[in-house]
Amino acid sequence: MWVRNRYTGPGGGLYTGPGGGLYTGPGGGLYTGPGGGLYTGPDSSPYMSNIPPLEVFLKELEKRNLYHYANIIKNHLH
């Protein structure tokens, strides 16, 4: 888990106050309304990633003999 995700202070992943990952109000990670982490509706600036799901990404790295990078990711998953 990333350090910022373990942070219990303002803005941290384990913070239950406004803007925190465990906050259920507007802007929080557990908020289901617009701007919240669990919002599933339309968005003018949706999250986009150019990295596929990790299991696919790891296989692709290894297929390209980029084991060093694949291992770095794997070591941080456990």
PDB file of N, CA and C in Angstrom:
ATOM      1  N   MET A   1       0.848  -1.181   0.000  1.00  0.00           N
ATOM      2  CA  MET A   1       0.000   0.000   0.000  1.00  0.00           C
ATOM      3  C   MET A   1       0.889   1.239   0.000  1.00  0.00           C
ATOM      4  N   TRP A   2       0.555   2.222  -0.828  1.00  0.00           N
ATOM      5  CA  TRP A   2       1.307   3.465  -0.889  1.00  0.00           C
ATOM      6  C   TRP A   2       1.233   4.178   0.450  1.00  0.00           C
ATOM      7  N   VAL A   3       2.290   4.882   0.800  1.00  0.00           N
ATOM      8  CA  VAL A   3       2.355   5.594   2.077  1.00  0.00           C
ATOM      9  C   VAL A   3       1.184   6.551   2.229  1.00  0.00           C
ATOM     10  N   ARG A   4       0.856   7.301   1.187  1.00  0.00           N
ATOM     11  CA  ARG A   4      -0.242   8.265   1.312  1.00  0.00           C
ATOM     12  C   ARG A   4      -1.569   7.568   1.581  1.00  0.00           C
ATOM     13  N   ASN A   5      -1.701   6.324   1.170  1.00  0.00           N
ATOM     14  CA  ASN A   5      -2.935   5.588   1.412  1.00  0.00           C
ATOM     15  C   ASN A   5      -3.053   5.133   2.858  1.00  0.00           C
ATOM     16  N   ARG A   6      -1.924   5.068   3.572  1.00  0.00           N
ATOM     17  CA  ARG A   6      -1.940   4.664   4.982  1.00  0.00           C
ATOM     18  C   ARG A   6      -2.023   5.856   5.917  1.00  0.00           C
ATOM     19  N   TYR A   7      -1.901   7.036   5.367  1.00  0.00           N
ATOM     20  CA  TYR A   7      -1.887   8.259   6.173  1.00  0.00           C
ATOM     21  C   TYR A   7      -3.261   8.487   6.787  1.00  0.00           C
ATOM     22  N   THR A   8      -3.287   8.777   8.087  1.00  0.00           N
ATOM     23  CA  THR A   8      -4.556   8.989   8.787  1.00  0.00           C
ATOM     24  C   THR A   8      -4.891  10.468   8.954  1.00  0.00           C
ATOM     25  N   GLY A   9      -4.010  11.344   8.498  1.00  0.00           N
ATOM     26  CA  GLY A   9      -4.255  12.784   8.583  1.00  0.00           C
ATOM     27  C   GLY A   9      -5.023  13.294   7.375  1.00  0.00           C
ATOM     28  N   PRO A  10      -5.306  14.604   7.350  1.00  0.00           N
ATOM     29  CA  PRO A  10      -6.080  15.218   6.265  1.00  0.00           C
ATOM     30  C   PRO A  10      -5.584  14.837   4.868  1.00  0.00           C
ATOM     31  N   GLY A  11      -6.509  14.364   4.053  1.00  0.00           N
ATOM     32  CA  GLY A  11      -6.191  13.970   2.687  1.00  0.00           C
ATOM     33  C   GLY A  11      -5.663  12.558   2.544  1.00  0.00           C
ATOM     34  N   GLY A  12      -5.420  11.888   3.642  1.00  0.00           N
ATOM     35  CA  GLY A  12      -4.870  10.535   3.596  1.00  0.00           C
ATOM     36  C   GLY A  12      -5.910   9.476   3.286  1.00  0.00           C
ATOM     37  N   GLY A  13      -5.431   8.339   2.862  1.00  0.00           N
ATOM     38  CA  GLY A  13      -6.318   7.239   2.505  1.00  0.00           C
ATOM     39  C   GLY A  13      -7.110   6.685   3.667  1.00  0.00           C
ATOM     40  N   LEU A  14      -6.574   6.802   4.884  1.00  0.00           N
ATOM     41  CA  LEU A  14      -7.274   6.294   6.067  1.00  0.00           C
ATOM     42  C   LEU A  14      -7.931   7.413   6.876  1.00  0.00           C
ATOM     43  N   TYR A  15      -7.968   8.603   6.312  1.00  0.00           N
ATOM     44  CA  TYR A  15      -8.571   9.751   6.997  1.00  0.00           C
ATOM     45  C   TYR A  15     -10.083   9.701   6.824  1.00  0.00           C
ATOM     46  N   THR A  16     -10.812   9.890   7.926  1.00  0.00           N
ATOM     47  CA  THR A  16     -12.274   9.844   7.867  1.00  0.00           C
ATOM     48  C   THR A  16     -12.904  11.227   7.746  1.00  0.00           C
ATOM     49  N   GLY A  17     -12.087  12.255   7.752  1.00  0.00           N
ATOM     50  CA  GLY A  17     -12.589  13.621   7.610  1.00  0.00           C
ATOM     51  C   GLY A  17     -12.672  14.040   6.152  1.00  0.00           C
ATOM     52  N   PRO A  18     -13.135  15.282   5.912  1.00  0.00           N
ATOM     53  CA  PRO A  18     -13.305  15.793   4.548  1.00  0.00           C
ATOM     54  C   PRO A  18     -12.081  15.590   3.651  1.00  0.00           C
ATOM     55  N   GLY A  19     -12.332  15.011   2.486  1.00  0.00           N
ATOM     56  CA  GLY A  19     -11.270  14.770   1.512  1.00  0.00           C
ATOM     57  C   GLY A  19     -10.493  13.490   1.723  1.00  0.00           C
ATOM     58  N   GLY A  20     -10.756  12.799   2.802  1.00  0.00           N
ATOM     59  CA  GLY A  20     -10.030  11.562   3.091  1.00  0.00           C
ATOM     60  C   GLY A  20     -10.601  10.355   2.370  1.00  0.00           C
ATOM     61  N   GLY A  21      -9.802   9.331   2.306  1.00  0.00           N
ATOM     62  CA  GLY A  21     -10.212   8.112   1.620  1.00  0.00           C
ATOM     63  C   GLY A  21     -11.378   7.398   2.258  1.00  0.00           C
ATOM     64  N   LEU A  22     -11.546   7.560   3.579  1.00  0.00           N
ATOM     65  CA  LEU A  22     -12.650   6.898   4.273  1.00  0.00           C
ATOM     66  C   LEU A  22     -13.798   7.851   4.590  1.00  0.00           C
ATOM     67  N   TYR A  23     -13.762   9.023   3.998  1.00  0.00           N
ATOM     68  CA  TYR A  23     -14.816  10.018   4.223  1.00  0.00           C
ATOM     69  C   TYR A  23     -15.998   9.717   3.312  1.00  0.00           C
ATOM     70  N   THR A  24     -17.209   9.728   3.891  1.00  0.00           N
ATOM     71  CA  THR A  24     -18.411   9.420   3.112  1.00  0.00           C
ATOM     72  C   THR A  24     -19.111  10.669   2.595  1.00  0.00           C
ATOM     73  N   GLY A  25     -18.619  11.834   2.965  1.00  0.00           N
ATOM     74  CA  GLY A  25     -19.215  13.088   2.497  1.00  0.00           C
ATOM     75  C   GLY A  25     -18.638  13.527   1.162  1.00  0.00           C
ATOM     76  N   PRO A  26     -19.153  14.650   0.629  1.00  0.00           N
ATOM     77  CA  PRO A  26     -18.699  15.157  -0.676  1.00  0.00           C
ATOM     78  C   PRO A  26     -17.178  15.243  -0.804  1.00  0.00           C
ATOM     79  N   GLY A  27     -16.669  14.669  -1.880  1.00  0.00           N
ATOM     80  CA  GLY A  27     -15.237  14.700  -2.153  1.00  0.00           C
ATOM     81  C   GLY A  27     -14.448  13.581  -1.508  1.00  0.00           C
ATOM     82  N   GLY A  28     -15.081  12.797  -0.680  1.00  0.00           N
ATOM     83  CA  GLY A  28     -14.383  11.710   0.004  1.00  0.00           C
ATOM     84  C   GLY A  28     -14.300  10.444  -0.829  1.00  0.00           C
ATOM     85  N   GLY A  29     -13.407   9.578  -0.427  1.00  0.00           N
ATOM     86  CA  GLY A  29     -13.202   8.332  -1.151  1.00  0.00           C
ATOM     87  C   GLY A  29     -14.389   7.399  -1.140  1.00  0.00           C
ATOM     88  N   LEU A  30     -15.221   7.482  -0.093  1.00  0.00           N
ATOM     89  CA  LEU A  30     -16.386   6.603  -0.004  1.00  0.00           C
ATOM     90  C   LEU A  30     -17.680   7.302  -0.407  1.00  0.00           C
ATOM     91  N   TYR A  31     -17.554   8.495  -0.942  1.00  0.00           N
ATOM     92  CA  TYR A  31     -18.733   9.254  -1.369  1.00  0.00           C
ATOM     93  C   TYR A  31     -19.184   8.772  -2.738  1.00  0.00           C
ATOM     94  N   THR A  32     -20.493   8.527  -2.883  1.00  0.00           N
ATOM     95  CA  THR A  32     -21.020   8.009  -4.148  1.00  0.00           C
ATOM     96  C   THR A  32     -21.549   9.102  -5.070  1.00  0.00           C
ATOM     97  N   GLY A  33     -21.542  10.332  -4.604  1.00  0.00           N
ATOM     98  CA  GLY A  33     -22.005  11.441  -5.437  1.00  0.00           C
ATOM     99  C   GLY A  33     -20.886  11.996  -6.304  1.00  0.00           C
ATOM    100  N   PRO A  34     -21.223  12.978  -7.165  1.00  0.00           N
ATOM    101  CA  PRO A  34     -20.213  13.590  -8.044  1.00  0.00           C
ATOM    102  C   PRO A  34     -18.991  14.078  -7.269  1.00  0.00           C
ATOM    103  N   GLY A  35     -17.819  13.735  -7.755  1.00  0.00           N
ATOM    104  CA  GLY A  35     -16.572  14.136  -7.105  1.00  0.00           C
ATOM    105  C   GLY A  35     -16.073  13.148  -6.072  1.00  0.00           C
ATOM    106  N   GLY A  36     -16.874  12.148  -5.768  1.00  0.00           N
ATOM    107  CA  GLY A  36     -16.480  11.147  -4.782  1.00  0.00           C
ATOM    108  C   GLY A  36     -15.773   9.964  -5.411  1.00  0.00           C
ATOM    109  N   GLY A  37     -15.054   9.243  -4.591  1.00  0.00           N
ATOM    110  CA  GLY A  37     -14.289   8.099  -5.072  1.00  0.00           C
ATOM    111  C   GLY A  37     -15.120   6.949  -5.597  1.00  0.00           C
ATOM    112  N   LEU A  38     -16.374   6.845  -5.146  1.00  0.00           N
ATOM    113  CA  LEU A  38     -17.232   5.749  -5.590  1.00  0.00           C
ATOM    114  C   LEU A  38     -18.306   6.201  -6.571  1.00  0.00           C
ATOM    115  N   TYR A  39     -18.140   7.391  -7.117  1.00  0.00           N
ATOM    116  CA  TYR A  39     -19.119   7.925  -8.066  1.00  0.00           C
ATOM    117  C   TYR A  39     -19.028   7.162  -9.379  1.00  0.00           C
ATOM    118  N   THR A  40     -20.175   6.729  -9.895  1.00  0.00           N
ATOM    119  CA  THR A  40     -20.185   5.951 -11.138  1.00  0.00           C
ATOM    120  C   THR A  40     -20.938   6.649 -12.265  1.00  0.00           C
ATOM    121  N   GLY A  41     -21.327   7.882 -12.046  1.00  0.00           N
ATOM    122  CA  GLY A  41     -22.069   8.614 -13.070  1.00  0.00           C
ATOM    123  C   GLY A  41     -21.161   9.322 -14.055  1.00  0.00           C
ATOM    124  N   PRO A  42     -21.775  10.112 -14.946  1.00  0.00           N
ATOM    125  CA  PRO A  42     -20.995  10.851 -15.943  1.00  0.00           C
ATOM    126  C   PRO A  42     -20.076  11.877 -15.291  1.00  0.00           C
ATOM    127  N   ASP A  43     -18.982  12.166 -15.958  1.00  0.00           N
ATOM    128  CA  ASP A  43     -17.988  13.092 -15.410  1.00  0.00           C
ATOM    129  C   ASP A  43     -17.359  13.870 -16.557  1.00  0.00           C
ATOM    130  N   SER A  44     -17.175  15.166 -16.362  1.00  0.00           N
ATOM    131  CA  SER A  44     -16.578  15.991 -17.415  1.00  0.00           C
ATOM    132  C   SER A  44     -15.080  15.732 -17.572  1.00  0.00           C
ATOM    133  N   SER A  45     -14.453  15.202 -16.542  1.00  0.00           N
ATOM    134  CA  SER A  45     -13.027  14.858 -16.640  1.00  0.00           C
ATOM    135  C   SER A  45     -12.799  13.500 -15.982  1.00  0.00           C
ATOM    136  N   PRO A  46     -13.236  12.425 -16.648  1.00  0.00           N
ATOM    137  CA  PRO A  46     -13.128  11.092 -16.056  1.00  0.00           C
ATOM    138  C   PRO A  46     -11.683  10.639 -15.892  1.00  0.00           C
ATOM    139  N   TYR A  47     -11.469   9.754 -14.940  1.00  0.00           N
ATOM    140  CA  TYR A  47     -10.142   9.172 -14.740  1.00  0.00           C
ATOM    141  C   TYR A  47      -9.805   8.303 -15.946  1.00  0.00           C
ATOM    142  N   MET A  48      -8.608   8.449 -16.436  1.00  0.00           N
ATOM    143  CA  MET A  48      -8.141   7.624 -17.550  1.00  0.00           C
ATOM    144  C   MET A  48      -6.735   7.137 -17.232  1.00  0.00           C
ATOM    145  N   SER A  49      -6.431   5.945 -17.689  1.00  0.00           N
ATOM    146  CA  SER A  49      -5.109   5.385 -17.465  1.00  0.00           C
ATOM    147  C   SER A  49      -4.621   4.712 -18.737  1.00  0.00           C
ATOM    148  N   ASN A  50      -3.334   4.812 -18.971  1.00  0.00           N
ATOM    149  CA  ASN A  50      -2.772   4.114 -20.123  1.00  0.00           C
ATOM    150  C   ASN A  50      -2.107   2.810 -19.696  1.00  0.00           C
ATOM    151  N   ILE A  51      -2.327   2.414 -18.454  1.00  0.00           N
ATOM    152  CA  ILE A  51      -1.785   1.155 -17.942  1.00  0.00           C
ATOM    153  C   ILE A  51      -2.949   0.181 -17.775  1.00  0.00           C
ATOM    154  N   PRO A  52      -2.848  -0.999 -18.356  1.00  0.00           N
ATOM    155  CA  PRO A  52      -3.918  -1.987 -18.220  1.00  0.00           C
ATOM    156  C   PRO A  52      -3.950  -2.548 -16.795  1.00  0.00           C
ATOM    157  N   PRO A  53      -4.930  -3.390 -16.485  1.00  0.00           N
ATOM    158  CA  PRO A  53      -4.955  -4.035 -15.168  1.00  0.00           C
ATOM    159  C   PRO A  53      -3.594  -4.669 -14.865  1.00  0.00           C
ATOM    160  N   LEU A  54      -3.196  -4.637 -13.601  1.00  0.00           N
ATOM    161  CA  LEU A  54      -1.843  -5.063 -13.227  1.00  0.00           C
ATOM    162  C   LEU A  54      -1.458  -6.451 -13.719  1.00  0.00           C
ATOM    163  N   GLU A  55      -2.377  -7.418 -13.658  1.00  0.00           N
ATOM    164  CA  GLU A  55      -1.995  -8.766 -14.090  1.00  0.00           C
ATOM    165  C   GLU A  55      -1.637  -8.777 -15.579  1.00  0.00           C
ATOM    166  N   VAL A  56      -2.325  -7.978 -16.375  1.00  0.00           N
ATOM    167  CA  VAL A  56      -2.026  -7.865 -17.805  1.00  0.00           C
ATOM    168  C   VAL A  56      -0.713  -7.107 -18.002  1.00  0.00           C
ATOM    169  N   PHE A  57      -0.543  -6.026 -17.259  1.00  0.00           N
ATOM    170  CA  PHE A  57       0.659  -5.200 -17.365  1.00  0.00           C
ATOM    171  C   PHE A  57       1.909  -5.998 -16.995  1.00  0.00           C
ATOM    172  N   LEU A  58       1.830  -6.779 -15.913  1.00  0.00           N
ATOM    173  CA  LEU A  58       2.979  -7.583 -15.487  1.00  0.00           C
ATOM    174  C   LEU A  58       3.364  -8.615 -16.547  1.00  0.00           C
ATOM    175  N   LYS A  59       2.369  -9.272 -17.118  1.00  0.00           N
ATOM    176  CA  LYS A  59       2.658 -10.251 -18.181  1.00  0.00           C
ATOM    177  C   LYS A  59       3.327  -9.576 -19.374  1.00  0.00           C
ATOM    178  N   GLU A  60       2.859  -8.381 -19.703  1.00  0.00           N
ATOM    179  CA  GLU A  60       3.430  -7.653 -20.843  1.00  0.00           C
ATOM    180  C   GLU A  60       4.871  -7.234 -20.560  1.00  0.00           C
ATOM    181  N   LEU A  61       5.145  -6.779 -19.349  1.00  0.00           N
ATOM    182  CA  LEU A  61       6.520  -6.421 -18.987  1.00  0.00           C
ATOM    183  C   LEU A  61       7.441  -7.629 -19.117  1.00  0.00           C
ATOM    184  N   GLU A  62       6.978  -8.768 -18.604  1.00  0.00           N
ATOM    185  CA  GLU A  62       7.795  -9.983 -18.661  1.00  0.00           C
ATOM    186  C   GLU A  62       7.972 -10.465 -20.095  1.00  0.00           C
ATOM    187  N   LYS A  63       6.933 -10.335 -20.907  1.00  0.00           N
ATOM    188  CA  LYS A  63       7.028 -10.726 -22.313  1.00  0.00           C
ATOM    189  C   LYS A  63       8.095  -9.902 -23.033  1.00  0.00           C
ATOM    190  N   ARG A  64       8.306  -8.677 -22.560  1.00  0.00           N
ATOM    191  CA  ARG A  64       9.295  -7.790 -23.169  1.00  0.00           C
ATOM    192  C   ARG A  64      10.641  -7.850 -22.434  1.00  0.00           C
ATOM    193  N   ASN A  65      10.801  -8.888 -21.589  1.00  0.00           N
ATOM    194  CA  ASN A  65      12.030  -9.094 -20.814  1.00  0.00           C
ATOM    195  C   ASN A  65      12.342  -7.943 -19.860  1.00  0.00           C
ATOM    196  N   LEU A  66      11.313  -7.286 -19.377  1.00  0.00           N
ATOM    197  CA  LEU A  66      11.482  -6.192 -18.417  1.00  0.00           C
ATOM    198  C   LEU A  66      11.185  -6.714 -17.006  1.00  0.00           C
ATOM    199  N   TYR A  67      11.865  -7.797 -16.664  1.00  0.00           N
ATOM    200  CA  TYR A  67      11.632  -8.471 -15.388  1.00  0.00           C
ATOM    201  C   TYR A  67      11.935  -7.574 -14.194  1.00  0.00           C
ATOM    202  N   HIS A  68      12.937  -6.734 -14.326  1.00  0.00           N
ATOM    203  CA  HIS A  68      13.309  -5.841 -13.222  1.00  0.00           C
ATOM    204  C   HIS A  68      12.106  -4.988 -12.807  1.00  0.00           C
ATOM    205  N   TYR A  69      11.436  -4.400 -13.782  1.00  0.00           N
ATOM    206  CA  TYR A  69      10.289  -3.538 -13.487  1.00  0.00           C
ATOM    207  C   TYR A  69       9.093  -4.355 -12.995  1.00  0.00           C
ATOM    208  N   ALA A  70       8.893  -5.513 -13.580  1.00  0.00           N
ATOM    209  CA  ALA A  70       7.809  -6.383 -13.131  1.00  0.00           C
ATOM    210  C   ALA A  70       8.022  -6.786 -11.674  1.00  0.00           C
ATOM    211  N   ASN A  71       9.261  -7.090 -11.314  1.00  0.00           N
ATOM    212  CA  ASN A  71       9.562  -7.492  -9.938  1.00  0.00           C
ATOM    213  C   ASN A  71       9.387  -6.346  -8.952  1.00  0.00           C
ATOM    214  N   ILE A  72       9.728  -5.140  -9.363  1.00  0.00           N
ATOM    215  CA  ILE A  72       9.512  -3.981  -8.482  1.00  0.00           C
ATOM    216  C   ILE A  72       8.027  -3.871  -8.147  1.00  0.00           C
ATOM    217  N   ILE A  73       7.183  -3.986  -9.165  1.00  0.00           N
ATOM    218  CA  ILE A  73       5.737  -3.893  -8.941  1.00  0.00           C
ATOM    219  C   ILE A  73       5.266  -5.043  -8.063  1.00  0.00           C
ATOM    220  N   LYS A  74       5.688  -6.261  -8.379  1.00  0.00           N
ATOM    221  CA  LYS A  74       5.271  -7.429  -7.597  1.00  0.00           C
ATOM    222  C   LYS A  74       5.675  -7.299  -6.134  1.00  0.00           C
ATOM    223  N   ASN A  75       6.881  -6.801  -5.884  1.00  0.00           N
ATOM    224  CA  ASN A  75       7.359  -6.658  -4.504  1.00  0.00           C
ATOM    225  C   ASN A  75       6.543  -5.651  -3.710  1.00  0.00           C
ATOM    226  N   HIS A  76       5.935  -4.708  -4.385  1.00  0.00           N
ATOM    227  CA  HIS A  76       5.130  -3.709  -3.689  1.00  0.00           C
ATOM    228  C   HIS A  76       3.668  -4.122  -3.552  1.00  0.00           C
ATOM    229  N   LEU A  77       3.294  -5.214  -4.165  1.00  0.00           N
ATOM    230  CA  LEU A  77       1.920  -5.701  -4.061  1.00  0.00           C
ATOM    231  C   LEU A  77       1.713  -6.560  -2.824  1.00  0.00           C
ATOM    232  N   HIS A  78       2.790  -7.048  -2.256  1.00  0.00           N
ATOM    233  CA  HIS A  78       2.654  -7.976  -1.120  1.00  0.00           C
ATOM    234  C   HIS A  78       3.031  -7.337   0.176  1.00  0.00           C
TER     235      HIS A  78
END
